[in-house]
Amino acid sequence: MMMGHDWGLGWGGMWFGWLLMIGFTAAVVVLIVWLIRLSAQGGRFNTGASESDPQVQSALDILQARYARGEISKEEYLDVRATLLRT
């Protein structure tokens, strides 16, 4: 009769279970924080501006349209374009 036999697990198996549970909980918390931060950014990973960035491209389109309509001079156009592409 083998009453009280723990099949070699002892306290080590209990500690492994606790560590596994804590690791899983930490992974869930990290996942939730990551999802919240991702949704707060609107799904954008890169916040650096470039010419292909939709906001900068839109500003360049507006600038080009203003220049085409004659609202601004060539010097103003070139100055503002250089500023937009630098940021």
N, C-alpha and C. Protein backbone atom coordinates (compact mmCIF):
# COMPACT_ATOMS: atom_id res chain seq x y z
N MET A 1 0.83 -1.17 0.00
CA MET A 1 0.00 0.00 0.00
C MET A 1 0.88 1.24 0.00
N MET A 2 0.62 2.18 -0.92
CA MET A 2 1.49 3.32 -1.11
C MET A 2 0.76 4.61 -0.76
N MET A 3 0.30 4.75 0.41
CA MET A 3 -0.41 5.95 0.80
C MET A 3 0.59 7.07 1.08
N GLY A 4 0.29 8.25 0.60
CA GLY A 4 1.13 9.40 0.88
C GLY A 4 2.35 9.50 -0.01
N HIS A 5 2.45 8.69 -1.03
CA HIS A 5 3.61 8.76 -1.93
C HIS A 5 3.37 9.88 -2.95
N ASP A 6 4.38 10.75 -3.15
CA ASP A 6 4.19 11.90 -4.03
C ASP A 6 4.87 11.73 -5.39
N TRP A 7 5.24 10.55 -5.75
CA TRP A 7 5.84 10.22 -7.04
C TRP A 7 7.07 11.06 -7.36
N GLY A 8 7.81 11.43 -6.37
CA GLY A 8 9.06 12.14 -6.58
C GLY A 8 8.92 13.64 -6.80
N LEU A 9 7.71 14.17 -6.77
CA LEU A 9 7.54 15.60 -7.00
C LEU A 9 7.91 16.42 -5.77
N GLY A 10 7.41 16.05 -4.65
CA GLY A 10 7.70 16.78 -3.42
C GLY A 10 7.36 18.25 -3.54
N TRP A 11 8.13 19.07 -2.84
CA TRP A 11 7.89 20.52 -2.86
C TRP A 11 8.37 21.15 -4.16
N GLY A 12 9.28 20.51 -4.87
CA GLY A 12 9.77 21.05 -6.14
C GLY A 12 8.67 21.18 -7.17
N GLY A 13 7.80 20.22 -7.25
CA GLY A 13 6.68 20.28 -8.20
C GLY A 13 5.72 21.40 -7.85
N MET A 14 5.53 21.65 -6.56
CA MET A 14 4.64 22.72 -6.13
C MET A 14 5.22 24.08 -6.52
N TRP A 15 6.53 24.26 -6.34
CA TRP A 15 7.18 25.53 -6.70
C TRP A 15 7.14 25.75 -8.22
N PHE A 16 7.31 24.70 -8.97
CA PHE A 16 7.24 24.82 -10.42
C PHE A 16 5.85 25.28 -10.85
N GLY A 17 4.83 24.76 -10.22
CA GLY A 17 3.45 25.17 -10.53
C GLY A 17 3.22 26.64 -10.23
N TRP A 18 3.72 27.10 -9.09
CA TRP A 18 3.58 28.52 -8.74
C TRP A 18 4.33 29.40 -9.73
N LEU A 19 5.54 29.01 -10.10
CA LEU A 19 6.32 29.80 -11.06
C LEU A 19 5.64 29.84 -12.41
N LEU A 20 5.07 28.73 -12.82
CA LEU A 20 4.36 28.68 -14.09
C LEU A 20 3.13 29.59 -14.06
N MET A 21 2.42 29.60 -12.97
CA MET A 21 1.24 30.44 -12.84
C MET A 21 1.62 31.93 -12.84
N ILE A 22 2.69 32.28 -12.13
CA ILE A 22 3.14 33.67 -12.10
C ILE A 22 3.62 34.10 -13.48
N GLY A 23 4.34 33.23 -14.18
CA GLY A 23 4.80 33.55 -15.54
C GLY A 23 3.66 33.76 -16.50
N PHE A 24 2.64 32.93 -16.41
CA PHE A 24 1.48 33.07 -17.28
C PHE A 24 0.75 34.38 -16.99
N THR A 25 0.58 34.71 -15.71
CA THR A 25 -0.09 35.95 -15.33
C THR A 25 0.69 37.16 -15.83
N ALA A 26 2.01 37.13 -15.69
CA ALA A 26 2.84 38.23 -16.18
C ALA A 26 2.72 38.37 -17.69
N ALA A 27 2.68 37.26 -18.41
CA ALA A 27 2.55 37.31 -19.87
C ALA A 27 1.21 37.92 -20.28
N VAL A 28 0.15 37.60 -19.58
CA VAL A 28 -1.16 38.17 -19.87
C VAL A 28 -1.16 39.67 -19.62
N VAL A 29 -0.55 40.11 -18.51
CA VAL A 29 -0.48 41.54 -18.19
C VAL A 29 0.31 42.28 -19.26
N VAL A 30 1.45 41.72 -19.68
CA VAL A 30 2.27 42.36 -20.71
C VAL A 30 1.49 42.45 -22.02
N LEU A 31 0.77 41.42 -22.38
CA LEU A 31 -0.04 41.43 -23.59
C LEU A 31 -1.11 42.52 -23.53
N ILE A 32 -1.78 42.65 -22.41
CA ILE A 32 -2.82 43.67 -22.27
C ILE A 32 -2.23 45.07 -22.37
N VAL A 33 -1.10 45.31 -21.71
CA VAL A 33 -0.45 46.63 -21.77
C VAL A 33 -0.02 46.93 -23.21
N TRP A 34 0.53 45.93 -23.90
CA TRP A 34 0.96 46.13 -25.28
C TRP A 34 -0.23 46.48 -26.17
N LEU A 35 -1.35 45.78 -26.00
CA LEU A 35 -2.53 46.06 -26.81
C LEU A 35 -3.09 47.45 -26.54
N ILE A 36 -3.07 47.88 -25.27
CA ILE A 36 -3.55 49.22 -24.93
C ILE A 36 -2.67 50.28 -25.57
N ARG A 37 -1.35 50.10 -25.47
CA ARG A 37 -0.44 51.08 -26.07
C ARG A 37 -0.56 51.11 -27.59
N LEU A 38 -0.78 49.96 -28.19
CA LEU A 38 -0.94 49.89 -29.64
C LEU A 38 -2.21 50.60 -30.08
N SER A 39 -3.29 50.43 -29.32
CA SER A 39 -4.54 51.09 -29.69
C SER A 39 -4.47 52.59 -29.43
N ALA A 40 -3.69 53.02 -28.44
CA ALA A 40 -3.54 54.45 -28.16
C ALA A 40 -2.75 55.14 -29.26
N GLN A 41 -1.86 54.41 -29.93
CA GLN A 41 -1.08 54.97 -31.02
C GLN A 41 -1.83 54.90 -32.34
N GLY A 42 -2.98 54.33 -32.33
CA GLY A 42 -3.75 54.18 -33.56
C GLY A 42 -3.18 53.11 -34.47
N GLY A 43 -2.45 52.16 -33.90
CA GLY A 43 -1.88 51.08 -34.69
C GLY A 43 -0.59 51.43 -35.39
N ARG A 44 -0.04 52.62 -35.14
CA ARG A 44 1.19 53.04 -35.79
C ARG A 44 2.38 52.70 -34.92
N PHE A 45 3.37 52.04 -35.50
CA PHE A 45 4.57 51.69 -34.76
C PHE A 45 5.62 52.78 -34.87
N ASN A 46 5.79 53.36 -36.04
CA ASN A 46 6.82 54.35 -36.28
C ASN A 46 6.18 55.73 -36.24
N THR A 47 6.66 56.59 -35.34
CA THR A 47 6.10 57.93 -35.25
C THR A 47 6.97 58.96 -35.94
N GLY A 48 8.09 58.54 -36.50
CA GLY A 48 8.97 59.46 -37.21
C GLY A 48 8.35 59.86 -38.53
N ALA A 49 8.50 61.13 -38.87
CA ALA A 49 7.90 61.63 -40.10
C ALA A 49 8.84 61.37 -41.28
N SER A 50 8.27 61.03 -42.39
CA SER A 50 9.02 60.86 -43.62
C SER A 50 8.15 61.30 -44.77
N GLU A 51 8.71 61.34 -45.97
CA GLU A 51 7.94 61.80 -47.12
C GLU A 51 6.78 60.87 -47.43
N SER A 52 6.90 59.58 -47.07
CA SER A 52 5.82 58.64 -47.33
C SER A 52 4.78 58.62 -46.22
N ASP A 53 5.02 59.35 -45.14
CA ASP A 53 4.07 59.43 -44.04
C ASP A 53 2.81 60.15 -44.53
N PRO A 54 1.62 59.59 -44.27
CA PRO A 54 0.39 60.20 -44.79
C PRO A 54 0.19 61.65 -44.34
N GLN A 55 0.54 62.01 -43.11
CA GLN A 55 0.34 63.37 -42.66
C GLN A 55 1.27 64.33 -43.39
N VAL A 56 2.53 63.95 -43.55
CA VAL A 56 3.48 64.80 -44.26
C VAL A 56 3.12 64.86 -45.74
N GLN A 57 2.74 63.73 -46.31
CA GLN A 57 2.35 63.72 -47.72
C GLN A 57 1.14 64.62 -47.94
N SER A 58 0.23 64.62 -47.01
CA SER A 58 -0.94 65.47 -47.12
C SER A 58 -0.52 66.94 -47.05
N ALA A 59 0.40 67.27 -46.16
CA ALA A 59 0.89 68.64 -46.06
C ALA A 59 1.61 69.04 -47.33
N LEU A 60 2.38 68.11 -47.90
CA LEU A 60 3.07 68.41 -49.16
C LEU A 60 2.08 68.61 -50.30
N ASP A 61 1.01 67.83 -50.31
CA ASP A 61 -0.02 67.99 -51.33
C ASP A 61 -0.69 69.36 -51.22
N ILE A 62 -0.99 69.76 -50.00
CA ILE A 62 -1.61 71.07 -49.77
C ILE A 62 -0.67 72.18 -50.22
N LEU A 63 0.62 72.03 -49.84
CA LEU A 63 1.62 73.03 -50.23
C LEU A 63 1.73 73.12 -51.75
N GLN A 64 1.77 71.97 -52.40
CA GLN A 64 1.88 71.95 -53.87
C GLN A 64 0.65 72.59 -54.51
N ALA A 65 -0.52 72.32 -53.96
CA ALA A 65 -1.75 72.90 -54.51
C ALA A 65 -1.75 74.42 -54.32
N ARG A 66 -1.29 74.89 -53.17
CA ARG A 66 -1.23 76.34 -52.94
C ARG A 66 -0.25 77.00 -53.91
N TYR A 67 0.86 76.33 -54.17
CA TYR A 67 1.84 76.87 -55.12
C TYR A 67 1.25 76.88 -56.53
N ALA A 68 0.55 75.81 -56.88
CA ALA A 68 -0.05 75.73 -58.21
C ALA A 68 -1.13 76.80 -58.41
N ARG A 69 -1.86 77.14 -57.36
CA ARG A 69 -2.89 78.19 -57.46
C ARG A 69 -2.30 79.58 -57.42
N GLY A 70 -0.99 79.69 -57.13
CA GLY A 70 -0.33 81.00 -57.08
C GLY A 70 -0.49 81.71 -55.76
N GLU A 71 -0.90 81.00 -54.72
CA GLU A 71 -1.08 81.61 -53.40
C GLU A 71 0.25 81.91 -52.71
N ILE A 72 1.29 81.15 -53.04
CA ILE A 72 2.60 81.36 -52.44
C ILE A 72 3.65 81.43 -53.54
N SER A 73 4.77 82.08 -53.23
CA SER A 73 5.85 82.20 -54.22
C SER A 73 6.71 80.94 -54.24
N LYS A 74 7.60 80.88 -55.24
CA LYS A 74 8.49 79.74 -55.36
C LYS A 74 9.41 79.63 -54.15
N GLU A 75 9.90 80.76 -53.66
CA GLU A 75 10.79 80.76 -52.49
C GLU A 75 10.06 80.24 -51.25
N GLU A 76 8.81 80.70 -51.07
CA GLU A 76 8.02 80.20 -49.93
C GLU A 76 7.77 78.70 -50.06
N TYR A 77 7.44 78.28 -51.28
CA TYR A 77 7.20 76.86 -51.53
C TYR A 77 8.42 76.03 -51.18
N LEU A 78 9.59 76.43 -51.68
CA LEU A 78 10.81 75.66 -51.44
C LEU A 78 11.19 75.67 -49.96
N ASP A 79 10.99 76.79 -49.28
CA ASP A 79 11.33 76.89 -47.86
C ASP A 79 10.44 75.98 -47.02
N VAL A 80 9.14 76.03 -47.24
CA VAL A 80 8.20 75.22 -46.46
C VAL A 80 8.39 73.73 -46.80
N ARG A 81 8.64 73.42 -48.05
CA ARG A 81 8.87 72.01 -48.44
C ARG A 81 10.10 71.45 -47.75
N ALA A 82 11.17 72.25 -47.69
CA ALA A 82 12.38 71.80 -47.00
C ALA A 82 12.11 71.59 -45.52
N THR A 83 11.32 72.46 -44.93
CA THR A 83 10.97 72.30 -43.51
C THR A 83 10.16 71.05 -43.28
N LEU A 84 9.19 70.80 -44.14
CA LEU A 84 8.36 69.60 -43.97
C LEU A 84 9.16 68.31 -44.13
N LEU A 85 10.08 68.28 -45.04
CA LEU A 85 10.86 67.06 -45.29
C LEU A 85 11.93 66.85 -44.23
N ARG A 86 12.30 67.87 -43.50
CA ARG A 86 13.28 67.73 -42.43
C ARG A 86 12.70 67.08 -41.19
N THR A 87 11.44 67.28 -40.92
CA THR A 87 10.84 66.79 -39.68
C THR A 87 10.54 65.32 -39.74
